[in-house]
Structures are given as structure tokens and as C-alpha cells.
């Protein structure tokens, strides 16, 4: 599989928090398919009830 590099900006309270977000995003990108990531982003953007249920299930 090819690798691609991007310059991105992440909003966070601190650089440590931004680093943690980036590490989490790279894990999601490496473990989920494109279709799964697209569905996840759709749910987060457009379905707040499902997002709240997922957060509750994750204990956050």
C-alpha cells in the first residue's frame, strides 16, 4: 500500500492534546476502511443521537 503525506492543522488546547488527536486519527485511518471512515464521519456530523450513544458506550 502506498503512503501519502499531508500537512494538516488540528485545533486543540495544547500541543500535547493535538499530538494525541493525531495519533488517534492515524490509528482510525489504519484500522478502518474508507467506507467505514466515511460512515463514521457522517454519523458524527449528522446524527447527534447516535454519536451520544457511541460516546456513552465508550464511557466518555
PDB file of N, CA and C in Angstrom:
ATOM      1  N   UNK A   1       0.841  -1.172   0.000  1.00  0.00           N
ATOM      2  CA  UNK A   1       0.000   0.000   0.000  1.00  0.00           C
ATOM      3  C   UNK A   1       0.888   1.237   0.000  1.00  0.00           C
ATOM      4  N   UNK A   2       0.506   2.201  -0.794  1.00  0.00           N
ATOM      5  CA  UNK A   2       1.270   3.447  -0.854  1.00  0.00           C
ATOM      6  C   UNK A   2       0.999   4.295   0.373  1.00  0.00           C
ATOM      7  N   UNK A   3       1.958   5.150   0.691  1.00  0.00           N
ATOM      8  CA  UNK A   3       1.795   6.094   1.793  1.00  0.00           C
ATOM      9  C   UNK A   3       1.797   7.500   1.228  1.00  0.00           C
ATOM     10  N   UNK A   4       0.945   8.344   1.792  1.00  0.00           N
ATOM     11  CA  UNK A   4       0.834   9.730   1.370  1.00  0.00           C
ATOM     12  C   UNK A   4       1.023  10.619   2.582  1.00  0.00           C
ATOM     13  N   UNK A   5       1.587  11.774   2.365  1.00  0.00           N
ATOM     14  CA  UNK A   5       1.863  12.699   3.460  1.00  0.00           C
ATOM     15  C   UNK A   5       1.054  13.972   3.264  1.00  0.00           C
ATOM     16  N   UNK A   6       0.484  14.481   4.361  1.00  0.00           N
ATOM     17  CA  UNK A   6      -0.336  15.686   4.322  1.00  0.00           C
ATOM     18  C   UNK A   6       0.108  16.656   5.414  1.00  0.00           C
ATOM     19  N   UNK A   7      -0.036  17.928   5.147  1.00  0.00           N
ATOM     20  CA  UNK A   7       0.124  18.958   6.165  1.00  0.00           C
ATOM     21  C   UNK A   7      -1.283  19.340   6.609  1.00  0.00           C
ATOM     22  N   UNK A   8      -1.569  19.168   7.916  1.00  0.00           N
ATOM     23  CA  UNK A   8      -2.899  19.490   8.419  1.00  0.00           C
ATOM     24  C   UNK A   8      -2.791  20.370   9.657  1.00  0.00           C
ATOM     25  N   UNK A   9      -3.890  21.000   9.996  1.00  0.00           N
ATOM     26  CA  UNK A   9      -3.976  21.802  11.200  1.00  0.00           C
ATOM     27  C   UNK A   9      -5.022  21.171  12.111  1.00  0.00           C
ATOM     28  N   UNK A  10      -4.672  20.986  13.378  1.00  0.00           N
ATOM     29  CA  UNK A  10      -5.582  20.397  14.350  1.00  0.00           C
ATOM     30  C   UNK A  10      -5.827  21.413  15.455  1.00  0.00           C
ATOM     31  N   UNK A  11      -7.088  21.692  15.739  1.00  0.00           N
ATOM     32  CA  UNK A  11      -7.435  22.588  16.835  1.00  0.00           C
ATOM     33  C   UNK A  11      -7.371  21.809  18.149  1.00  0.00           C
ATOM     34  N   UNK A  12      -6.661  22.369  19.112  1.00  0.00           N
ATOM     35  CA  UNK A  12      -6.524  21.716  20.418  1.00  0.00           C
ATOM     36  C   UNK A  12      -6.078  22.748  21.441  1.00  0.00           C
ATOM     37  N   UNK A  13      -6.269  22.416  22.704  1.00  0.00           N
ATOM     38  CA  UNK A  13      -5.889  23.317  23.792  1.00  0.00           C
ATOM     39  C   UNK A  13      -4.375  23.387  23.977  1.00  0.00           C
ATOM     40  N   UNK A  14      -3.686  22.322  23.573  1.00  0.00           N
ATOM     41  CA  UNK A  14      -2.228  22.286  23.731  1.00  0.00           C
ATOM     42  C   UNK A  14      -1.615  21.414  22.645  1.00  0.00           C
ATOM     43  N   UNK A  15      -0.318  21.518  22.502  1.00  0.00           N
ATOM     44  CA  UNK A  15       0.378  20.689  21.515  1.00  0.00           C
ATOM     45  C   UNK A  15       0.281  19.211  21.889  1.00  0.00           C
ATOM     46  N   UNK A  16       0.317  18.915  23.186  1.00  0.00           N
ATOM     47  CA  UNK A  16       0.182  17.534  23.647  1.00  0.00           C
ATOM     48  C   UNK A  16      -1.170  16.954  23.240  1.00  0.00           C
ATOM     49  N   UNK A  17      -2.213  17.747  23.406  1.00  0.00           N
ATOM     50  CA  UNK A  17      -3.548  17.302  23.012  1.00  0.00           C
ATOM     51  C   UNK A  17      -3.618  17.103  21.497  1.00  0.00           C
ATOM     52  N   UNK A  18      -3.027  17.998  20.738  1.00  0.00           N
ATOM     53  CA  UNK A  18      -3.017  17.872  19.274  1.00  0.00           C
ATOM     54  C   UNK A  18      -2.266  16.613  18.848  1.00  0.00           C
ATOM     55  N   UNK A  19      -1.144  16.325  19.501  1.00  0.00           N
ATOM     56  CA  UNK A  19      -0.396  15.100  19.198  1.00  0.00           C
ATOM     57  C   UNK A  19      -1.240  13.864  19.479  1.00  0.00           C
ATOM     58  N   UNK A  20      -1.952  13.877  20.597  1.00  0.00           N
ATOM     59  CA  UNK A  20      -2.805  12.752  20.954  1.00  0.00           C
ATOM     60  C   UNK A  20      -3.929  12.562  19.935  1.00  0.00           C
ATOM     61  N   UNK A  21      -4.532  13.657  19.498  1.00  0.00           N
ATOM     62  CA  UNK A  21      -5.575  13.584  18.468  1.00  0.00           C
ATOM     63  C   UNK A  21      -5.011  12.991  17.179  1.00  0.00           C
ATOM     64  N   UNK A  22      -3.826  13.441  16.787  1.00  0.00           N
ATOM     65  CA  UNK A  22      -3.224  12.953  15.541  1.00  0.00           C
ATOM     66  C   UNK A  22      -2.921  11.464  15.621  1.00  0.00           C
ATOM     67  N   UNK A  23      -2.394  11.023  16.750  1.00  0.00           N
ATOM     68  CA  UNK A  23      -2.118   9.585  16.925  1.00  0.00           C
ATOM     69  C   UNK A  23      -3.411   8.775  16.834  1.00  0.00           C
ATOM     70  N   UNK A  24      -4.466   9.277  17.458  1.00  0.00           N
ATOM     71  CA  UNK A  24      -5.757   8.585  17.412  1.00  0.00           C
ATOM     72  C   UNK A  24      -6.308   8.532  15.996  1.00  0.00           C
ATOM     73  N   UNK A  25      -6.190   9.628  15.272  1.00  0.00           N
ATOM     74  CA  UNK A  25      -6.662   9.661  13.886  1.00  0.00           C
ATOM     75  C   UNK A  25      -5.897   8.684  13.001  1.00  0.00           C
ATOM     76  N   UNK A  26      -4.591   8.570  13.214  1.00  0.00           N
ATOM     77  CA  UNK A  26      -3.812   7.645  12.388  1.00  0.00           C
ATOM     78  C   UNK A  26      -4.189   6.194  12.682  1.00  0.00           C
ATOM     79  N   UNK A  27      -4.524   5.885  13.934  1.00  0.00           N
ATOM     80  CA  UNK A  27      -4.987   4.534  14.264  1.00  0.00           C
ATOM     81  C   UNK A  27      -6.297   4.244  13.553  1.00  0.00           C
ATOM     82  N   UNK A  28      -7.232   5.190  13.627  1.00  0.00           N
ATOM     83  CA  UNK A  28      -8.511   5.002  12.938  1.00  0.00           C
ATOM     84  C   UNK A  28      -8.311   4.817  11.436  1.00  0.00           C
ATOM     85  N   UNK A  29      -7.463   5.636  10.855  1.00  0.00           N
ATOM     86  CA  UNK A  29      -7.218   5.553   9.408  1.00  0.00           C
ATOM     87  C   UNK A  29      -6.588   4.224   9.020  1.00  0.00           C
ATOM     88  N   UNK A  30      -5.759   3.676   9.890  1.00  0.00           N
ATOM     89  CA  UNK A  30      -5.079   2.420   9.544  1.00  0.00           C
ATOM     90  C   UNK A  30      -5.948   1.189   9.800  1.00  0.00           C
ATOM     91  N   UNK A  31      -6.924   1.291  10.694  1.00  0.00           N
ATOM     92  CA  UNK A  31      -7.731   0.121  11.060  1.00  0.00           C
ATOM     93  C   UNK A  31      -9.105   0.072  10.401  1.00  0.00           C
ATOM     94  N   UNK A  32      -9.598   1.216   9.915  1.00  0.00           N
ATOM     95  CA  UNK A  32     -10.922   1.252   9.301  1.00  0.00           C
ATOM     96  C   UNK A  32     -10.809   1.439   7.790  1.00  0.00           C
ATOM     97  N   UNK A  33     -11.760   0.882   7.066  1.00  0.00           N
ATOM     98  CA  UNK A  33     -11.794   1.047   5.610  1.00  0.00           C
ATOM     99  C   UNK A  33     -12.295   2.443   5.270  1.00  0.00           C
ATOM    100  N   UNK A  34     -12.158   2.825   4.015  1.00  0.00           N
ATOM    101  CA  UNK A  34     -12.661   4.113   3.556  1.00  0.00           C
ATOM    102  C   UNK A  34     -14.164   4.210   3.811  1.00  0.00           C
ATOM    103  N   UNK A  35     -14.887   3.169   3.488  1.00  0.00           N
ATOM    104  CA  UNK A  35     -16.337   3.161   3.678  1.00  0.00           C
ATOM    105  C   UNK A  35     -16.690   3.337   5.156  1.00  0.00           C
ATOM    106  N   UNK A  36     -15.971   2.658   6.032  1.00  0.00           N
ATOM    107  CA  UNK A  36     -16.226   2.772   7.471  1.00  0.00           C
ATOM    108  C   UNK A  36     -15.921   4.176   7.987  1.00  0.00           C
ATOM    109  N   UNK A  37     -14.823   4.757   7.531  1.00  0.00           N
ATOM    110  CA  UNK A  37     -14.471   6.118   7.938  1.00  0.00           C
ATOM    111  C   UNK A  37     -15.497   7.131   7.440  1.00  0.00           C
ATOM    112  N   UNK A  38     -15.954   6.959   6.215  1.00  0.00           N
ATOM    113  CA  UNK A  38     -16.964   7.861   5.667  1.00  0.00           C
ATOM    114  C   UNK A  38     -18.261   7.767   6.470  1.00  0.00           C
ATOM    115  N   UNK A  39     -18.673   6.559   6.818  1.00  0.00           N
ATOM    116  CA  UNK A  39     -19.890   6.372   7.610  1.00  0.00           C
ATOM    117  C   UNK A  39     -19.719   6.976   9.001  1.00  0.00           C
ATOM    118  N   UNK A  40     -18.571   6.775   9.603  1.00  0.00           N
ATOM    119  CA  UNK A  40     -18.295   7.336  10.923  1.00  0.00           C
ATOM    120  C   UNK A  40     -18.365   8.860  10.888  1.00  0.00           C
ATOM    121  N   UNK A  41     -17.749   9.474   9.894  1.00  0.00           N
ATOM    122  CA  UNK A  41     -17.783  10.934   9.807  1.00  0.00           C
ATOM    123  C   UNK A  41     -19.203  11.430   9.555  1.00  0.00           C
ATOM    124  N   UNK A  42     -19.973  10.711   8.754  1.00  0.00           N
ATOM    125  CA  UNK A  42     -21.365  11.095   8.510  1.00  0.00           C
ATOM    126  C   UNK A  42     -22.170  11.057   9.810  1.00  0.00           C
ATOM    127  N   UNK A  43     -22.005   9.998  10.580  1.00  0.00           N
ATOM    128  CA  UNK A  43     -22.734   9.868  11.844  1.00  0.00           C
ATOM    129  C   UNK A  43     -22.354  10.998  12.795  1.00  0.00           C
ATOM    130  N   UNK A  44     -21.065  11.282  12.908  1.00  0.00           N
ATOM    131  CA  UNK A  44     -20.617  12.343  13.811  1.00  0.00           C
ATOM    132  C   UNK A  44     -21.173  13.697  13.378  1.00  0.00           C
ATOM    133  N   UNK A  45     -21.204  13.960  12.089  1.00  0.00           N
ATOM    134  CA  UNK A  45     -21.680  15.250  11.583  1.00  0.00           C
ATOM    135  C   UNK A  45     -23.202  15.405  11.592  1.00  0.00           C
ATOM    136  N   UNK A  46     -23.935  14.324  11.337  1.00  0.00           N
ATOM    137  CA  UNK A  46     -25.364  14.452  11.072  1.00  0.00           C
ATOM    138  C   UNK A  46     -26.290  13.693  12.018  1.00  0.00           C
ATOM    139  N   UNK A  47     -25.746  12.885  12.902  1.00  0.00           N
ATOM    140  CA  UNK A  47     -26.607  12.076  13.765  1.00  0.00           C
ATOM    141  C   UNK A  47     -26.154  12.186  15.226  1.00  0.00           C
ATOM    142  N   UNK A  48     -26.497  13.301  15.875  1.00  0.00           N
ATOM    143  CA  UNK A  48     -26.021  13.529  17.238  1.00  0.00           C
ATOM    144  C   UNK A  48     -26.492  12.485  18.257  1.00  0.00           C
ATOM    145  N   UNK A  49     -27.656  11.899  18.050  1.00  0.00           N
ATOM    146  CA  UNK A  49     -28.144  10.887  18.985  1.00  0.00           C
ATOM    147  C   UNK A  49     -27.254   9.642  18.928  1.00  0.00           C
ATOM    148  N   UNK A  50     -26.930   9.195  17.712  1.00  0.00           N
ATOM    149  CA  UNK A  50     -26.049   8.037  17.568  1.00  0.00           C
ATOM    150  C   UNK A  50     -24.661   8.344  18.115  1.00  0.00           C
ATOM    151  N   UNK A  51     -24.183   9.568  17.896  1.00  0.00           N
ATOM    152  CA  UNK A  51     -22.873   9.972  18.408  1.00  0.00           C
ATOM    153  C   UNK A  51     -22.888   9.943  19.934  1.00  0.00           C
ATOM    154  N   UNK A  52     -23.950  10.455  20.536  1.00  0.00           N
ATOM    155  CA  UNK A  52     -24.058  10.442  22.002  1.00  0.00           C
ATOM    156  C   UNK A  52     -24.122   9.012  22.542  1.00  0.00           C
ATOM    157  N   UNK A  53     -24.846   8.133  21.858  1.00  0.00           N
ATOM    158  CA  UNK A  53     -24.918   6.733  22.279  1.00  0.00           C
ATOM    159  C   UNK A  53     -23.545   6.059  22.182  1.00  0.00           C
ATOM    160  N   UNK A  54     -22.816   6.350  21.119  1.00  0.00           N
ATOM    161  CA  UNK A  54     -21.483   5.773  20.954  1.00  0.00           C
ATOM    162  C   UNK A  54     -20.553   6.249  22.062  1.00  0.00           C
ATOM    163  N   UNK A  55     -20.606   7.537  22.376  1.00  0.00           N
ATOM    164  CA  UNK A  55     -19.766   8.080  23.455  1.00  0.00           C
ATOM    165  C   UNK A  55     -20.108   7.427  24.784  1.00  0.00           C
ATOM    166  N   UNK A  56     -21.397   7.240  25.029  1.00  0.00           N
ATOM    167  CA  UNK A  56     -21.826   6.595  26.277  1.00  0.00           C
ATOM    168  C   UNK A  56     -21.311   5.152  26.326  1.00  0.00           C
ATOM    169  N   UNK A  57     -21.413   4.440  25.214  1.00  0.00           N
ATOM    170  CA  UNK A  57     -20.927   3.064  25.161  1.00  0.00           C
ATOM    171  C   UNK A  57     -19.419   2.987  25.388  1.00  0.00           C
ATOM    172  N   UNK A  58     -18.700   4.042  24.964  1.00  0.00           N
ATOM    173  CA  UNK A  58     -17.247   4.094  25.146  1.00  0.00           C
ATOM    174  C   UNK A  58     -16.855   4.610  26.529  1.00  0.00           C
ATOM    175  N   UNK A  59     -17.840   5.081  27.276  1.00  0.00           N
ATOM    176  CA  UNK A  59     -17.568   5.597  28.614  1.00  0.00           C
ATOM    177  C   UNK A  59     -16.990   6.992  28.616  1.00  0.00           C
ATOM    178  N   UNK A  60     -17.330   7.777  27.585  1.00  0.00           N
ATOM    179  CA  UNK A  60     -16.813   9.157  27.511  1.00  0.00           C
ATOM    180  C   UNK A  60     -17.942  10.162  27.410  1.00  0.00           C
TER     181      UNK A  60
END
